[in-house]
Amino acid sequence: MIYVLALLHTIFSFTLVGFILLHSGKGGGLSSSLGGGGGSTFSGTTIMEKNLTRLTVIVVALFAVSTVLLIFLG
């Protein structure tokens, strides 16, 4: 059980790093080169960036849960 949880924790951490790198900063990021630059809404963010933010929050929550479980089970 602990090995499966450690594997999931590692997958979540690499996924989280990837999603954070995809976010665009003030000067644009990798997401703008993947088609996130066009089609802005009135708020100034694209639909792709909103979905990327939602996915990042989900992975952060999974990473936090796996961290707490590893602390208590380890």
N, C-alpha and C. Protein backbone atom coordinates (compact mmCIF):
# COMPACT_ATOMS: atom_id res chain seq x y z
N MET A 1 0.82 -1.20 0.00
CA MET A 1 0.00 0.00 0.00
C MET A 1 0.87 1.26 0.00
N ILE A 2 1.91 1.24 0.81
CA ILE A 2 2.75 2.42 0.92
C ILE A 2 3.52 2.67 -0.37
N TYR A 3 3.86 1.59 -1.09
CA TYR A 3 4.60 1.74 -2.34
C TYR A 3 3.71 2.33 -3.44
N VAL A 4 2.47 1.91 -3.46
CA VAL A 4 1.52 2.46 -4.43
C VAL A 4 1.29 3.94 -4.16
N LEU A 5 1.17 4.28 -2.88
CA LEU A 5 0.97 5.67 -2.50
C LEU A 5 2.20 6.52 -2.83
N ALA A 6 3.38 5.96 -2.62
CA ALA A 6 4.61 6.68 -2.97
C ALA A 6 4.72 6.87 -4.49
N LEU A 7 4.30 5.89 -5.24
CA LEU A 7 4.31 6.01 -6.70
C LEU A 7 3.33 7.09 -7.15
N LEU A 8 2.13 7.09 -6.58
CA LEU A 8 1.15 8.12 -6.92
C LEU A 8 1.65 9.51 -6.53
N HIS A 9 2.30 9.60 -5.38
CA HIS A 9 2.85 10.88 -4.91
C HIS A 9 3.90 11.40 -5.91
N THR A 10 4.73 10.50 -6.41
CA THR A 10 5.74 10.89 -7.40
C THR A 10 5.09 11.34 -8.70
N ILE A 11 4.07 10.63 -9.14
CA ILE A 11 3.36 11.02 -10.36
C ILE A 11 2.70 12.39 -10.18
N PHE A 12 2.07 12.61 -9.01
CA PHE A 12 1.44 13.90 -8.74
C PHE A 12 2.47 15.02 -8.73
N SER A 13 3.65 14.77 -8.18
CA SER A 13 4.66 15.83 -8.11
C SER A 13 5.17 16.21 -9.49
N PHE A 14 5.44 15.22 -10.35
CA PHE A 14 5.90 15.54 -11.70
C PHE A 14 4.80 16.22 -12.52
N THR A 15 3.56 15.78 -12.33
CA THR A 15 2.44 16.40 -13.02
C THR A 15 2.26 17.85 -12.57
N LEU A 16 2.43 18.08 -11.27
CA LEU A 16 2.29 19.42 -10.74
C LEU A 16 3.37 20.35 -11.28
N VAL A 17 4.59 19.88 -11.37
CA VAL A 17 5.66 20.69 -11.93
C VAL A 17 5.36 21.01 -13.40
N GLY A 18 4.88 20.04 -14.15
CA GLY A 18 4.54 20.26 -15.54
C GLY A 18 3.42 21.28 -15.70
N PHE A 19 2.38 21.18 -14.88
CA PHE A 19 1.27 22.13 -14.98
C PHE A 19 1.71 23.53 -14.59
N ILE A 20 2.56 23.65 -13.60
CA ILE A 20 3.04 24.98 -13.19
C ILE A 20 3.88 25.60 -14.30
N LEU A 21 4.69 24.79 -14.97
CA LEU A 21 5.49 25.32 -16.07
C LEU A 21 4.63 25.72 -17.26
N LEU A 22 3.47 25.12 -17.42
CA LEU A 22 2.59 25.48 -18.53
C LEU A 22 1.86 26.80 -18.31
N HIS A 23 1.75 27.24 -17.05
CA HIS A 23 1.07 28.50 -16.78
C HIS A 23 1.85 29.66 -17.37
N SER A 24 1.11 30.62 -17.89
CA SER A 24 1.77 31.80 -18.44
C SER A 24 1.96 32.83 -17.34
N GLY A 25 3.12 33.41 -17.34
CA GLY A 25 3.41 34.48 -16.39
C GLY A 25 3.08 35.81 -17.02
N LYS A 26 3.77 36.86 -16.58
CA LYS A 26 3.52 38.18 -17.13
C LYS A 26 3.99 38.29 -18.57
N GLY A 27 5.05 37.58 -18.93
CA GLY A 27 5.57 37.67 -20.27
C GLY A 27 5.10 36.56 -21.18
N GLY A 28 4.14 35.77 -20.76
CA GLY A 28 3.68 34.63 -21.55
C GLY A 28 4.48 33.40 -21.16
N GLY A 29 3.90 32.26 -21.35
CA GLY A 29 4.57 31.03 -20.98
C GLY A 29 4.41 29.98 -22.05
N LEU A 30 4.58 28.76 -21.64
CA LEU A 30 4.45 27.66 -22.59
C LEU A 30 3.03 27.50 -23.08
N SER A 31 2.06 27.91 -22.27
CA SER A 31 0.67 27.76 -22.69
C SER A 31 0.34 28.66 -23.88
N SER A 32 0.99 29.81 -23.99
CA SER A 32 0.72 30.68 -25.13
C SER A 32 1.26 30.09 -26.43
N SER A 33 2.33 29.31 -26.33
CA SER A 33 2.86 28.69 -27.54
C SER A 33 2.03 27.48 -27.97
N LEU A 34 1.20 26.98 -27.08
CA LEU A 34 0.35 25.84 -27.40
C LEU A 34 -1.06 26.26 -27.80
N GLY A 35 -1.26 27.52 -28.11
CA GLY A 35 -2.56 27.97 -28.57
C GLY A 35 -3.36 28.69 -27.52
N GLY A 36 -2.77 29.05 -26.42
CA GLY A 36 -3.50 29.75 -25.37
C GLY A 36 -3.52 31.25 -25.55
N GLY A 37 -2.91 31.77 -26.59
CA GLY A 37 -2.84 33.21 -26.77
C GLY A 37 -4.08 33.82 -27.41
N GLY A 38 -4.85 33.08 -28.15
CA GLY A 38 -6.01 33.64 -28.84
C GLY A 38 -7.29 33.32 -28.13
N GLY A 39 -8.32 34.05 -28.49
CA GLY A 39 -9.65 33.78 -27.96
C GLY A 39 -9.84 34.20 -26.52
N SER A 40 -9.36 35.39 -26.17
CA SER A 40 -9.50 35.86 -24.80
C SER A 40 -10.95 36.24 -24.51
N THR A 41 -11.35 36.05 -23.28
CA THR A 41 -12.67 36.48 -22.84
C THR A 41 -12.53 37.89 -22.26
N PHE A 42 -13.59 38.42 -21.70
CA PHE A 42 -13.56 39.78 -21.17
C PHE A 42 -12.64 39.92 -19.97
N SER A 43 -12.43 38.86 -19.23
CA SER A 43 -11.56 38.94 -18.06
C SER A 43 -10.09 38.89 -18.42
N GLY A 44 -9.75 38.61 -19.66
CA GLY A 44 -8.36 38.61 -20.08
C GLY A 44 -7.70 37.25 -20.03
N THR A 45 -8.38 36.25 -19.54
CA THR A 45 -7.82 34.90 -19.51
C THR A 45 -8.52 34.03 -20.53
N THR A 46 -7.82 33.07 -21.02
CA THR A 46 -8.40 32.19 -22.02
C THR A 46 -9.05 30.99 -21.34
N ILE A 47 -9.84 30.28 -22.09
CA ILE A 47 -10.50 29.09 -21.57
C ILE A 47 -9.46 28.02 -21.24
N MET A 48 -8.41 27.94 -22.07
CA MET A 48 -7.36 26.97 -21.83
C MET A 48 -6.65 27.23 -20.50
N GLU A 49 -6.41 28.51 -20.19
CA GLU A 49 -5.75 28.84 -18.93
C GLU A 49 -6.65 28.56 -17.74
N LYS A 50 -7.96 28.79 -17.90
CA LYS A 50 -8.89 28.48 -16.81
C LYS A 50 -8.92 26.98 -16.53
N ASN A 51 -8.96 26.19 -17.60
CA ASN A 51 -8.96 24.74 -17.42
C ASN A 51 -7.63 24.26 -16.84
N LEU A 52 -6.54 24.87 -17.27
CA LEU A 52 -5.23 24.52 -16.73
C LEU A 52 -5.15 24.85 -15.24
N THR A 53 -5.74 25.97 -14.86
CA THR A 53 -5.78 26.34 -13.45
C THR A 53 -6.59 25.35 -12.64
N ARG A 54 -7.73 24.93 -13.19
CA ARG A 54 -8.56 23.94 -12.49
C ARG A 54 -7.82 22.62 -12.32
N LEU A 55 -7.15 22.18 -13.38
CA LEU A 55 -6.38 20.93 -13.29
C LEU A 55 -5.24 21.05 -12.28
N THR A 56 -4.60 22.21 -12.26
CA THR A 56 -3.51 22.42 -11.31
C THR A 56 -4.01 22.36 -9.88
N VAL A 57 -5.16 22.96 -9.62
CA VAL A 57 -5.73 22.93 -8.26
C VAL A 57 -6.09 21.50 -7.86
N ILE A 58 -6.62 20.73 -8.80
CA ILE A 58 -6.96 19.33 -8.51
C ILE A 58 -5.71 18.52 -8.17
N VAL A 59 -4.65 18.73 -8.96
CA VAL A 59 -3.40 17.99 -8.71
C VAL A 59 -2.76 18.44 -7.40
N VAL A 60 -2.88 19.72 -7.06
CA VAL A 60 -2.37 20.21 -5.78
C VAL A 60 -3.11 19.52 -4.63
N ALA A 61 -4.41 19.40 -4.75
CA ALA A 61 -5.20 18.74 -3.70
C ALA A 61 -4.81 17.27 -3.58
N LEU A 62 -4.64 16.58 -4.70
CA LEU A 62 -4.22 15.18 -4.66
C LEU A 62 -2.82 15.03 -4.08
N PHE A 63 -1.94 15.95 -4.41
CA PHE A 63 -0.58 15.94 -3.88
C PHE A 63 -0.59 16.16 -2.36
N ALA A 64 -1.44 17.08 -1.90
CA ALA A 64 -1.53 17.34 -0.47
C ALA A 64 -2.10 16.14 0.29
N VAL A 65 -3.12 15.51 -0.28
CA VAL A 65 -3.70 14.33 0.37
C VAL A 65 -2.69 13.19 0.43
N SER A 66 -1.97 12.99 -0.66
CA SER A 66 -0.98 11.91 -0.66
C SER A 66 0.17 12.22 0.29
N THR A 67 0.51 13.49 0.45
CA THR A 67 1.55 13.85 1.42
C THR A 67 1.11 13.53 2.84
N VAL A 68 -0.11 13.91 3.17
CA VAL A 68 -0.62 13.64 4.52
C VAL A 68 -0.72 12.14 4.77
N LEU A 69 -1.20 11.40 3.78
CA LEU A 69 -1.29 9.94 3.94
C LEU A 69 0.08 9.29 4.10
N LEU A 70 1.06 9.78 3.37
CA LEU A 70 2.41 9.24 3.51
C LEU A 70 3.00 9.54 4.89
N ILE A 71 2.66 10.71 5.43
CA ILE A 71 3.14 11.06 6.76
C ILE A 71 2.54 10.13 7.81
N PHE A 72 1.23 9.91 7.72
CA PHE A 72 0.57 9.09 8.73
C PHE A 72 0.79 7.59 8.56
N LEU A 73 0.93 7.13 7.34
CA LEU A 73 1.14 5.70 7.11
C LEU A 73 2.62 5.30 7.17
N GLY A 74 3.49 6.26 6.96
CA GLY A 74 4.92 5.97 6.95
C GLY A 74 5.49 6.04 8.31
